[in-house]
C-alpha cells in the first residue's frame, strides 16, 4: 500500500490523471446520505458504517492493480424470523 491514504469524497477516480510512476492510496467513508442510498439499493434496513481503503498500483502497459479492504456495519431483516439483525 502507498504510505498515507488520501481522503476520497467523490464517486469516481480519473485513472488517466494518475501518475503511473507510483501507487495511489485512497480512503473512502461515504456520508450518511450516500450510505442511505446504498442501503436502499441493496435492500438493507440501514448501513451504519462503510469504509474502503483502496490502493491503485501501476501494472504492465496501461493497466492498474486495484486492491481494497472493505468494512461495513449493516442492519437487515432475518429471512427466517423477519427480526432485525
PDB file of N, CA and C in Angstrom:
ATOM      1  N   UNK A   1       0.837  -1.184   0.000  1.00  0.00           N
ATOM      2  CA  UNK A   1       0.000   0.000   0.000  1.00  0.00           C
ATOM      3  C   UNK A   1       0.879   1.245   0.000  1.00  0.00           C
ATOM      4  N   UNK A   2       0.378   2.290  -0.615  1.00  0.00           N
ATOM      5  CA  UNK A   2       1.071   3.573  -0.563  1.00  0.00           C
ATOM      6  C   UNK A   2       1.022   4.072   0.871  1.00  0.00           C
ATOM      7  N   UNK A   3       1.882   5.009   1.198  1.00  0.00           N
ATOM      8  CA  UNK A   3       2.059   5.426   2.583  1.00  0.00           C
ATOM      9  C   UNK A   3       0.781   5.896   3.271  1.00  0.00           C
ATOM     10  N   UNK A   4       0.334   7.106   3.033  1.00  0.00           N
ATOM     11  CA  UNK A   4      -0.827   7.643   3.731  1.00  0.00           C
ATOM     12  C   UNK A   4      -1.973   7.816   2.742  1.00  0.00           C
ATOM     13  N   UNK A   5      -3.138   7.181   3.003  1.00  0.00           N
ATOM     14  CA  UNK A   5      -4.229   7.302   2.038  1.00  0.00           C
ATOM     15  C   UNK A   5      -4.817   8.708   2.008  1.00  0.00           C
ATOM     16  N   UNK A   6      -5.173   9.126   0.814  1.00  0.00           N
ATOM     17  CA  UNK A   6      -5.837  10.411   0.607  1.00  0.00           C
ATOM     18  C   UNK A   6      -7.322  10.219   0.852  1.00  0.00           C
ATOM     19  N   UNK A   7      -7.945  11.123   1.597  1.00  0.00           N
ATOM     20  CA  UNK A   7      -9.385  11.054   1.847  1.00  0.00           C
ATOM     21  C   UNK A   7     -10.104  11.302   0.532  1.00  0.00           C
ATOM     22  N   UNK A   8     -10.974  10.379   0.170  1.00  0.00           N
ATOM     23  CA  UNK A   8     -11.685  10.447  -1.101  1.00  0.00           C
ATOM     24  C   UNK A   8     -13.160  10.658  -0.827  1.00  0.00           C
ATOM     25  N   UNK A   9     -13.745  11.715  -1.397  1.00  0.00           N
ATOM     26  CA  UNK A   9     -15.142  12.020  -1.118  1.00  0.00           C
ATOM     27  C   UNK A   9     -16.038  11.911  -2.339  1.00  0.00           C
ATOM     28  N   UNK A  10     -15.470  11.664  -3.496  1.00  0.00           N
ATOM     29  CA  UNK A  10     -16.258  11.608  -4.716  1.00  0.00           C
ATOM     30  C   UNK A  10     -16.806  10.217  -4.990  1.00  0.00           C
ATOM     31  N   UNK A  11     -17.213  10.005  -6.219  1.00  0.00           N
ATOM     32  CA  UNK A  11     -17.701   8.687  -6.616  1.00  0.00           C
ATOM     33  C   UNK A  11     -16.941   8.150  -7.822  1.00  0.00           C
ATOM     34  N   UNK A  12     -15.819   8.827  -8.172  1.00  0.00           N
ATOM     35  CA  UNK A  12     -15.075   8.411  -9.352  1.00  0.00           C
ATOM     36  C   UNK A  12     -13.617   8.845  -9.203  1.00  0.00           C
ATOM     37  N   UNK A  13     -12.718   7.997  -9.641  1.00  0.00           N
ATOM     38  CA  UNK A  13     -11.294   8.329  -9.704  1.00  0.00           C
ATOM     39  C   UNK A  13     -10.907   8.349 -11.177  1.00  0.00           C
ATOM     40  N   UNK A  14     -10.350   9.448 -11.628  1.00  0.00           N
ATOM     41  CA  UNK A  14      -9.923   9.576 -13.019  1.00  0.00           C
ATOM     42  C   UNK A  14      -8.545   8.926 -13.172  1.00  0.00           C
ATOM     43  N   UNK A  15      -8.546   7.686 -13.627  1.00  0.00           N
ATOM     44  CA  UNK A  15      -7.309   6.920 -13.758  1.00  0.00           C
ATOM     45  C   UNK A  15      -6.319   7.622 -14.694  1.00  0.00           C
ATOM     46  N   UNK A  16      -6.797   8.213 -15.765  1.00  0.00           N
ATOM     47  CA  UNK A  16      -5.911   8.866 -16.740  1.00  0.00           C
ATOM     48  C   UNK A  16      -5.138  10.023 -16.118  1.00  0.00           C
ATOM     49  N   UNK A  17      -5.648  10.586 -15.031  1.00  0.00           N
ATOM     50  CA  UNK A  17      -4.978  11.723 -14.391  1.00  0.00           C
ATOM     51  C   UNK A  17      -3.921  11.290 -13.365  1.00  0.00           C
ATOM     52  N   UNK A  18      -3.838   9.991 -13.073  1.00  0.00           N
ATOM     53  CA  UNK A  18      -2.886   9.500 -12.073  1.00  0.00           C
ATOM     54  C   UNK A  18      -1.500   9.311 -12.666  1.00  0.00           C
ATOM     55  N   UNK A  19      -0.497   9.555 -11.853  1.00  0.00           N
ATOM     56  CA  UNK A  19       0.876   9.287 -12.257  1.00  0.00           C
ATOM     57  C   UNK A  19       1.111   7.781 -12.244  1.00  0.00           C
ATOM     58  N   UNK A  20       1.636   7.262 -13.337  1.00  0.00           N
ATOM     59  CA  UNK A  20       1.928   5.830 -13.428  1.00  0.00           C
ATOM     60  C   UNK A  20       3.276   5.487 -12.796  1.00  0.00           C
ATOM     61  N   UNK A  21       3.907   6.448 -12.145  1.00  0.00           N
ATOM     62  CA  UNK A  21       5.214   6.228 -11.527  1.00  0.00           C
ATOM     63  C   UNK A  21       5.111   5.766 -10.077  1.00  0.00           C
ATOM     64  N   UNK A  22       3.890   5.753  -9.518  1.00  0.00           N
ATOM     65  CA  UNK A  22       3.743   5.388  -8.101  1.00  0.00           C
ATOM     66  C   UNK A  22       2.352   4.840  -7.822  1.00  0.00           C
ATOM     67  N   UNK A  23       2.197   4.235  -6.652  1.00  0.00           N
ATOM     68  CA  UNK A  23       0.890   3.781  -6.190  1.00  0.00           C
ATOM     69  C   UNK A  23       0.114   4.959  -5.613  1.00  0.00           C
ATOM     70  N   UNK A  24      -1.200   4.823  -5.608  1.00  0.00           N
ATOM     71  CA  UNK A  24      -2.076   5.867  -5.081  1.00  0.00           C
ATOM     72  C   UNK A  24      -3.045   5.219  -4.093  1.00  0.00           C
ATOM     73  N   UNK A  25      -3.089   5.737  -2.864  1.00  0.00           N
ATOM     74  CA  UNK A  25      -3.948   5.175  -1.822  1.00  0.00           C
ATOM     75  C   UNK A  25      -5.073   6.152  -1.500  1.00  0.00           C
ATOM     76  N   UNK A  26      -6.268   5.596  -1.307  1.00  0.00           N
ATOM     77  CA  UNK A  26      -7.449   6.402  -1.004  1.00  0.00           C
ATOM     78  C   UNK A  26      -8.213   5.777   0.150  1.00  0.00           C
ATOM     79  N   UNK A  27      -8.848   6.627   0.929  1.00  0.00           N
ATOM     80  CA  UNK A  27      -9.745   6.190   1.995  1.00  0.00           C
ATOM     81  C   UNK A  27     -11.119   6.755   1.678  1.00  0.00           C
ATOM     82  N   UNK A  28     -12.110   5.872   1.550  1.00  0.00           N
ATOM     83  CA  UNK A  28     -13.469   6.292   1.212  1.00  0.00           C
ATOM     84  C   UNK A  28     -14.394   5.938   2.363  1.00  0.00           C
ATOM     85  N   UNK A  29     -15.015   6.945   2.950  1.00  0.00           N
ATOM     86  CA  UNK A  29     -16.015   6.775   4.006  1.00  0.00           C
ATOM     87  C   UNK A  29     -17.188   7.678   3.644  1.00  0.00           C
ATOM     88  N   UNK A  30     -18.202   7.129   2.951  1.00  0.00           N
ATOM     89  CA  UNK A  30     -19.293   7.961   2.460  1.00  0.00           C
ATOM     90  C   UNK A  30     -20.122   8.571   3.597  1.00  0.00           C
ATOM     91  N   UNK A  31     -20.739   9.718   3.292  1.00  0.00           N
ATOM     92  CA  UNK A  31     -21.574  10.400   4.276  1.00  0.00           C
ATOM     93  C   UNK A  31     -22.897   9.656   4.469  1.00  0.00           C
ATOM     94  N   UNK A  32     -23.700  10.128   5.411  1.00  0.00           N
ATOM     95  CA  UNK A  32     -24.953   9.451   5.776  1.00  0.00           C
ATOM     96  C   UNK A  32     -25.912   9.343   4.591  1.00  0.00           C
ATOM     97  N   UNK A  33     -26.023  10.394   3.798  1.00  0.00           N
ATOM     98  CA  UNK A  33     -26.941  10.359   2.657  1.00  0.00           C
ATOM     99  C   UNK A  33     -26.519   9.311   1.630  1.00  0.00           C
ATOM    100  N   UNK A  34     -25.230   9.210   1.377  1.00  0.00           N
ATOM    101  CA  UNK A  34     -24.721   8.211   0.432  1.00  0.00           C
ATOM    102  C   UNK A  34     -24.931   6.806   0.981  1.00  0.00           C
ATOM    103  N   UNK A  35     -24.649   6.615   2.284  1.00  0.00           N
ATOM    104  CA  UNK A  35     -24.877   5.287   2.895  1.00  0.00           C
ATOM    105  C   UNK A  35     -26.357   4.905   2.824  1.00  0.00           C
ATOM    106  N   UNK A  36     -27.239   5.870   3.039  1.00  0.00           N
ATOM    107  CA  UNK A  36     -28.674   5.603   2.978  1.00  0.00           C
ATOM    108  C   UNK A  36     -29.081   5.174   1.568  1.00  0.00           C
ATOM    109  N   UNK A  37     -28.542   5.837   0.556  1.00  0.00           N
ATOM    110  CA  UNK A  37     -28.848   5.480  -0.831  1.00  0.00           C
ATOM    111  C   UNK A  37     -28.328   4.081  -1.163  1.00  0.00           C
ATOM    112  N   UNK A  38     -27.124   3.761  -0.710  1.00  0.00           N
ATOM    113  CA  UNK A  38     -26.559   2.425  -0.950  1.00  0.00           C
ATOM    114  C   UNK A  38     -27.391   1.368  -0.241  1.00  0.00           C
ATOM    115  N   UNK A  39     -27.805   1.647   0.999  1.00  0.00           N
ATOM    116  CA  UNK A  39     -28.648   0.710   1.750  1.00  0.00           C
ATOM    117  C   UNK A  39     -29.950   0.443   1.006  1.00  0.00           C
ATOM    118  N   UNK A  40     -30.559   1.481   0.476  1.00  0.00           N
ATOM    119  CA  UNK A  40     -31.809   1.315  -0.273  1.00  0.00           C
ATOM    120  C   UNK A  40     -31.580   0.457  -1.519  1.00  0.00           C
ATOM    121  N   UNK A  41     -30.482   0.706  -2.238  1.00  0.00           N
ATOM    122  CA  UNK A  41     -30.167  -0.086  -3.433  1.00  0.00           C
ATOM    123  C   UNK A  41     -29.962  -1.561  -3.102  1.00  0.00           C
ATOM    124  N   UNK A  42     -29.400  -1.834  -1.918  1.00  0.00           N
ATOM    125  CA  UNK A  42     -29.105  -3.214  -1.523  1.00  0.00           C
ATOM    126  C   UNK A  42     -30.227  -3.871  -0.728  1.00  0.00           C
ATOM    127  N   UNK A  43     -31.290  -3.130  -0.448  1.00  0.00           N
ATOM    128  CA  UNK A  43     -32.412  -3.686   0.309  1.00  0.00           C
ATOM    129  C   UNK A  43     -32.105  -3.873   1.785  1.00  0.00           C
ATOM    130  N   UNK A  44     -31.223  -3.045   2.322  1.00  0.00           N
ATOM    131  CA  UNK A  44     -30.859  -3.113   3.737  1.00  0.00           C
ATOM    132  C   UNK A  44     -31.727  -2.148   4.533  1.00  0.00           C
ATOM    133  N   UNK A  45     -31.949  -2.451   5.815  1.00  0.00           N
ATOM    134  CA  UNK A  45     -32.655  -1.513   6.677  1.00  0.00           C
ATOM    135  C   UNK A  45     -31.789  -0.303   6.970  1.00  0.00           C
ATOM    136  N   UNK A  46     -30.496  -0.554   7.168  1.00  0.00           N
ATOM    137  CA  UNK A  46     -29.578   0.529   7.493  1.00  0.00           C
ATOM    138  C   UNK A  46     -28.149   0.118   7.158  1.00  0.00           C
ATOM    139  N   UNK A  47     -27.359   1.074   6.747  1.00  0.00           N
ATOM    140  CA  UNK A  47     -25.928   0.898   6.534  1.00  0.00           C
ATOM    141  C   UNK A  47     -25.250   1.909   7.451  1.00  0.00           C
ATOM    142  N   UNK A  48     -24.902   1.440   8.645  1.00  0.00           N
ATOM    143  CA  UNK A  48     -24.394   2.353   9.683  1.00  0.00           C
ATOM    144  C   UNK A  48     -23.000   2.873   9.390  1.00  0.00           C
ATOM    145  N   UNK A  49     -22.147   1.997   8.884  1.00  0.00           N
ATOM    146  CA  UNK A  49     -20.767   2.379   8.565  1.00  0.00           C
ATOM    147  C   UNK A  49     -20.379   1.738   7.251  1.00  0.00           C
ATOM    148  N   UNK A  50     -19.547   2.437   6.502  1.00  0.00           N
ATOM    149  CA  UNK A  50     -18.972   1.882   5.275  1.00  0.00           C
ATOM    150  C   UNK A  50     -17.621   2.539   5.087  1.00  0.00           C
ATOM    151  N   UNK A  51     -16.628   1.719   4.824  1.00  0.00           N
ATOM    152  CA  UNK A  51     -15.260   2.223   4.687  1.00  0.00           C
ATOM    153  C   UNK A  51     -14.530   1.344   3.675  1.00  0.00           C
ATOM    154  N   UNK A  52     -13.770   1.992   2.822  1.00  0.00           N
ATOM    155  CA  UNK A  52     -12.914   1.268   1.876  1.00  0.00           C
ATOM    156  C   UNK A  52     -11.557   1.942   1.849  1.00  0.00           C
ATOM    157  N   UNK A  53     -10.522   1.148   2.040  1.00  0.00           N
ATOM    158  CA  UNK A  53      -9.155   1.639   1.870  1.00  0.00           C
ATOM    159  C   UNK A  53      -8.651   1.008   0.580  1.00  0.00           C
ATOM    160  N   UNK A  54      -8.399   1.854  -0.404  1.00  0.00           N
ATOM    161  CA  UNK A  54      -8.117   1.426  -1.769  1.00  0.00           C
ATOM    162  C   UNK A  54      -6.705   1.821  -2.171  1.00  0.00           C
ATOM    163  N   UNK A  55      -6.041   0.916  -2.881  1.00  0.00           N
ATOM    164  CA  UNK A  55      -4.740   1.242  -3.471  1.00  0.00           C
ATOM    165  C   UNK A  55      -4.778   0.899  -4.953  1.00  0.00           C
ATOM    166  N   UNK A  56      -4.374   1.851  -5.773  1.00  0.00           N
ATOM    167  CA  UNK A  56      -4.214   1.649  -7.205  1.00  0.00           C
ATOM    168  C   UNK A  56      -2.717   1.656  -7.505  1.00  0.00           C
ATOM    169  N   UNK A  57      -2.232   0.567  -8.099  1.00  0.00           N
ATOM    170  CA  UNK A  57      -0.809   0.416  -8.381  1.00  0.00           C
ATOM    171  C   UNK A  57      -0.612   0.226  -9.880  1.00  0.00           C
ATOM    172  N   UNK A  58       0.307   0.977 -10.483  1.00  0.00           N
ATOM    173  CA  UNK A  58       0.554   0.789 -11.912  1.00  0.00           C
ATOM    174  C   UNK A  58       1.035  -0.637 -12.195  1.00  0.00           C
ATOM    175  N   UNK A  59       0.515  -1.203 -13.265  1.00  0.00           N
ATOM    176  CA  UNK A  59       0.921  -2.547 -13.690  1.00  0.00           C
ATOM    177  C   UNK A  59       1.504  -2.431 -15.107  1.00  0.00           C
ATOM    178  N   UNK A  60       1.537  -3.526 -15.822  1.00  0.00           N
ATOM    179  CA  UNK A  60       2.099  -3.518 -17.172  1.00  0.00           C
ATOM    180  C   UNK A  60       1.306  -2.618 -18.110  1.00  0.00           C
ATOM    181  N   UNK A  61       2.004  -2.071 -19.072  1.00  0.00           N
ATOM    182  CA  UNK A  61       1.400  -1.204 -20.087  1.00  0.00           C
ATOM    183  C   UNK A  61       0.578  -0.100 -19.423  1.00  0.00           C
ATOM    184  N   UNK A  62      -0.704  -0.059 -19.715  1.00  0.00           N
ATOM    185  CA  UNK A  62      -1.576   0.971 -19.148  1.00  0.00           C
ATOM    186  C   UNK A  62      -2.525   0.386 -18.109  1.00  0.00           C
ATOM    187  N   UNK A  63      -2.225  -0.797 -17.593  1.00  0.00           N
ATOM    188  CA  UNK A  63      -3.084  -1.460 -16.619  1.00  0.00           C
ATOM    189  C   UNK A  63      -2.812  -0.951 -15.207  1.00  0.00           C
ATOM    190  N   UNK A  64      -3.806  -1.154 -14.347  1.00  0.00           N
ATOM    191  CA  UNK A  64      -3.689  -0.797 -12.925  1.00  0.00           C
ATOM    192  C   UNK A  64      -4.173  -1.966 -12.084  1.00  0.00           C
ATOM    193  N   UNK A  65      -3.520  -2.192 -10.961  1.00  0.00           N
ATOM    194  CA  UNK A  65      -3.939  -3.200  -9.993  1.00  0.00           C
ATOM    195  C   UNK A  65      -4.769  -2.492  -8.934  1.00  0.00           C
ATOM    196  N   UNK A  66      -5.990  -2.972  -8.700  1.00  0.00           N
ATOM    197  CA  UNK A  66      -6.902  -2.406  -7.707  1.00  0.00           C
ATOM    198  C   UNK A  66      -6.941  -3.343  -6.509  1.00  0.00           C
ATOM    199  N   UNK A  67      -6.576  -2.842  -5.330  1.00  0.00           N
ATOM    200  CA  UNK A  67      -6.654  -3.610  -4.094  1.00  0.00           C
ATOM    201  C   UNK A  67      -7.465  -2.793  -3.096  1.00  0.00           C
ATOM    202  N   UNK A  68      -8.327  -3.474  -2.340  1.00  0.00           N
ATOM    203  CA  UNK A  68      -9.159  -2.741  -1.377  1.00  0.00           C
ATOM    204  C   UNK A  68      -9.458  -3.608  -0.163  1.00  0.00           C
ATOM    205  N   UNK A  69      -9.567  -2.947   0.967  1.00  0.00           N
ATOM    206  CA  UNK A  69     -10.047  -3.571   2.205  1.00  0.00           C
ATOM    207  C   UNK A  69     -11.343  -2.856   2.556  1.00  0.00           C
ATOM    208  N   UNK A  70     -12.421  -3.625   2.666  1.00  0.00           N
ATOM    209  CA  UNK A  70     -13.752  -3.066   2.919  1.00  0.00           C
ATOM    210  C   UNK A  70     -14.207  -3.390   4.327  1.00  0.00           C
ATOM    211  N   UNK A  71     -14.977  -2.487   4.903  1.00  0.00           N
ATOM    212  CA  UNK A  71     -15.611  -2.726   6.192  1.00  0.00           C
ATOM    213  C   UNK A  71     -16.984  -2.084   6.187  1.00  0.00           C
ATOM    214  N   UNK A  72     -17.946  -2.758   6.803  1.00  0.00           N
ATOM    215  CA  UNK A  72     -19.304  -2.214   6.843  1.00  0.00           C
ATOM    216  C   UNK A  72     -20.049  -2.759   8.058  1.00  0.00           C
ATOM    217  N   UNK A  73     -20.974  -1.956   8.551  1.00  0.00           N
ATOM    218  CA  UNK A  73     -21.911  -2.392   9.586  1.00  0.00           C
ATOM    219  C   UNK A  73     -23.297  -2.212   8.998  1.00  0.00           C
ATOM    220  N   UNK A  74     -24.025  -3.331   8.859  1.00  0.00           N
ATOM    221  CA  UNK A  74     -25.349  -3.281   8.229  1.00  0.00           C
ATOM    222  C   UNK A  74     -26.423  -3.794   9.177  1.00  0.00           C
ATOM    223  N   UNK A  75     -27.650  -3.342   8.927  1.00  0.00           N
ATOM    224  CA  UNK A  75     -28.825  -3.843   9.631  1.00  0.00           C
ATOM    225  C   UNK A  75     -29.763  -4.378   8.565  1.00  0.00           C
ATOM    226  N   UNK A  76     -30.187  -5.628   8.752  1.00  0.00           N
ATOM    227  CA  UNK A  76     -31.099  -6.255   7.800  1.00  0.00           C
ATOM    228  C   UNK A  76     -32.065  -7.153   8.549  1.00  0.00           C
ATOM    229  N   UNK A  77     -33.091  -7.593   7.875  1.00  0.00           N
ATOM    230  CA  UNK A  77     -34.063  -8.498   8.485  1.00  0.00           C
ATOM    231  C   UNK A  77     -33.592  -9.942   8.338  1.00  0.00           C
ATOM    232  N   UNK A  78     -33.808 -10.727   9.393  1.00  0.00           N
ATOM    233  CA  UNK A  78     -33.542 -12.167   9.342  1.00  0.00           C
ATOM    234  C   UNK A  78     -34.558 -12.791   8.390  1.00  0.00           C
ATOM    235  N   UNK A  79     -34.120 -13.603   7.454  1.00  0.00           N
ATOM    236  CA  UNK A  79     -35.038 -14.195   6.475  1.00  0.00           C
ATOM    237  C   UNK A  79     -35.920 -15.276   7.082  1.00  0.00           C
ATOM    238  N   UNK A  80     -35.570 -15.770   8.268  1.00  0.00           N
ATOM    239  CA  UNK A  80     -36.363 -16.807   8.905  1.00  0.00           C
ATOM    240  C   UNK A  80     -37.436 -16.196   9.809  1.00  0.00           C
ATOM    241  N   UNK A  81     -37.046 -15.284  10.690  1.00  0.00           N
ATOM    242  CA  UNK A  81     -37.981 -14.710  11.663  1.00  0.00           C
ATOM    243  C   UNK A  81     -38.419 -13.296  11.312  1.00  0.00           C
ATOM    244  N   UNK A  82     -37.810 -12.687  10.313  1.00  0.00           N
ATOM    245  CA  UNK A  82     -38.061 -11.298   9.913  1.00  0.00           C
ATOM    246  C   UNK A  82     -37.729 -10.304  11.014  1.00  0.00           C
ATOM    247  N   UNK A  83     -36.897 -10.722  11.965  1.00  0.00           N
ATOM    248  CA  UNK A  83     -36.428  -9.836  13.023  1.00  0.00           C
ATOM    249  C   UNK A  83     -35.237  -9.042  12.508  1.00  0.00           C
ATOM    250  N   UNK A  84     -35.027  -7.860  13.062  1.00  0.00           N
ATOM    251  CA  UNK A  84     -33.886  -7.043  12.704  1.00  0.00           C
ATOM    252  C   UNK A  84     -32.629  -7.652  13.267  1.00  0.00           C
ATOM    253  N   UNK A  85     -31.606  -7.837  12.420  1.00  0.00           N
ATOM    254  CA  UNK A  85     -30.315  -8.384  12.874  1.00  0.00           C
ATOM    255  C   UNK A  85     -29.190  -7.525  12.353  1.00  0.00           C
TER     256      UNK A  85
END
